[in-house]
């Protein structure tokens, strides 16, 4: 296991046009001991309001900025089984 920087993007897609609403990068270090427990991180990103129309898509993209292996970062889809919770995005009302 090795450290990794991950870039996160929130994207509004209308047809073939993408508008990046928010982007940030986070550094993760291995938890050690060979366990794959979730690392507690929570983000509160500011993004502009959008004029949503039927057919628009909201894209959550993550990509490794620096990694030494093909599976260096995996979002916690195991939730409590990995001592974490399922990733989610909360939008304002």
Protein backbone atom coordinates (compact mmCIF):
# COMPACT_ATOMS: atom_id res chain seq x y z
CA UNK A 1 0.00 0.00 0.00
CA UNK A 2 1.13 3.55 -0.69
CA UNK A 3 -0.07 7.12 -0.30
CA UNK A 4 -2.26 8.63 -2.98
CA UNK A 5 -3.72 11.97 -4.01
CA UNK A 6 -7.28 11.77 -5.35
CA UNK A 7 -9.02 14.44 -7.41
CA UNK A 8 -12.80 14.74 -6.99
CA UNK A 9 -15.08 16.52 -9.46
CA UNK A 10 -18.80 17.33 -9.30
CA UNK A 11 -20.01 17.85 -12.85
CA UNK A 12 -23.29 18.98 -14.38
CA UNK A 13 -23.76 17.37 -17.79
CA UNK A 14 -26.29 18.66 -20.29
CA UNK A 15 -26.10 16.79 -23.58
CA UNK A 16 -22.44 16.85 -24.65
CA UNK A 17 -21.58 19.85 -22.43
CA UNK A 18 -19.95 19.39 -19.01
CA UNK A 19 -19.75 22.15 -16.42
CA UNK A 20 -17.51 21.52 -13.42
CA UNK A 21 -19.37 22.67 -10.31
CA UNK A 22 -16.66 21.85 -7.77
CA UNK A 23 -13.27 20.17 -7.75
CA UNK A 24 -10.81 19.35 -4.97
CA UNK A 25 -7.88 17.08 -4.23
CA UNK A 26 -7.31 15.04 -1.07
CA UNK A 27 -4.26 13.13 0.14
CA UNK A 28 -4.69 9.67 1.68
CA UNK A 29 -2.09 7.64 3.55
CA UNK A 30 -2.36 3.86 4.08
CA UNK A 31 -4.01 2.86 7.32
CA UNK A 32 -1.27 0.27 7.90
CA UNK A 33 -1.35 -3.30 9.08
CA UNK A 34 -2.91 -4.56 5.86
CA UNK A 35 -6.45 -3.67 6.94
CA UNK A 36 -8.79 -1.94 4.57
CA UNK A 37 -10.87 0.06 7.03
CA UNK A 38 -12.49 3.22 5.73
CA UNK A 39 -10.77 6.52 6.40
CA UNK A 40 -13.06 9.13 7.88
CA UNK A 41 -13.33 12.11 5.55
CA UNK A 42 -16.21 14.47 4.97
CA UNK A 43 -16.20 17.40 2.58
CA UNK A 44 -18.39 20.47 2.30
CA UNK A 45 -17.82 21.98 -1.14
CA UNK A 46 -19.40 25.16 -2.49
CA UNK A 47 -20.93 24.93 -5.96
CA UNK A 48 -23.14 27.24 -8.02
CA UNK A 49 -26.88 26.67 -8.36
CA UNK A 50 -27.84 25.11 -11.67
CA UNK A 51 -30.88 25.37 -13.94
CA UNK A 52 -31.60 21.64 -14.08
CA UNK A 53 -33.62 20.35 -17.03
CA UNK A 54 -34.96 16.89 -17.81
CA UNK A 55 -32.16 14.69 -19.18
CA UNK A 56 -29.35 16.52 -17.34
CA UNK A 57 -26.91 14.37 -15.39
CA UNK A 58 -24.99 14.91 -12.17
CA UNK A 59 -21.55 13.24 -12.32
CA UNK A 60 -19.31 12.45 -9.34
CA UNK A 61 -15.88 11.65 -10.76
CA UNK A 62 -12.78 10.66 -8.83
CA UNK A 63 -9.35 9.97 -10.26
CA UNK A 64 -5.90 9.21 -8.92
CA UNK A 65 -3.49 12.09 -9.31
CA UNK A 66 -0.48 10.13 -8.06
CA UNK A 67 -0.58 6.38 -7.47
CA UNK A 68 1.77 3.44 -7.70
CA UNK A 69 -0.82 0.73 -8.31
CA UNK A 70 -4.06 0.28 -10.29
CA UNK A 71 -6.23 -0.13 -7.15
CA UNK A 72 -4.70 2.58 -5.00
CA UNK A 73 -8.03 4.23 -4.14
CA UNK A 74 -11.47 2.67 -3.82
CA UNK A 75 -14.48 4.56 -2.43
CA UNK A 76 -15.91 2.78 0.61
CA UNK A 77 -18.80 0.80 -0.81
CA UNK A 78 -18.71 -1.57 2.16
CA UNK A 79 -20.07 0.95 4.66
CA UNK A 80 -20.14 -0.39 8.21
CA UNK A 81 -18.38 -3.61 7.15
CA UNK A 82 -15.24 -1.49 6.68
CA UNK A 83 -15.94 0.70 9.74
CA UNK A 84 -17.24 3.50 7.53
CA UNK A 85 -20.38 4.52 5.73
CA UNK A 86 -21.55 4.43 2.13
CA UNK A 87 -20.37 7.52 0.18
CA UNK A 88 -23.17 9.97 -0.51
CA UNK A 89 -23.78 13.49 -1.76
CA UNK A 90 -26.30 15.74 -0.03
CA UNK A 91 -27.72 18.50 -2.21
CA UNK A 92 -29.39 21.64 -0.80
CA UNK A 93 -33.16 21.88 -0.95
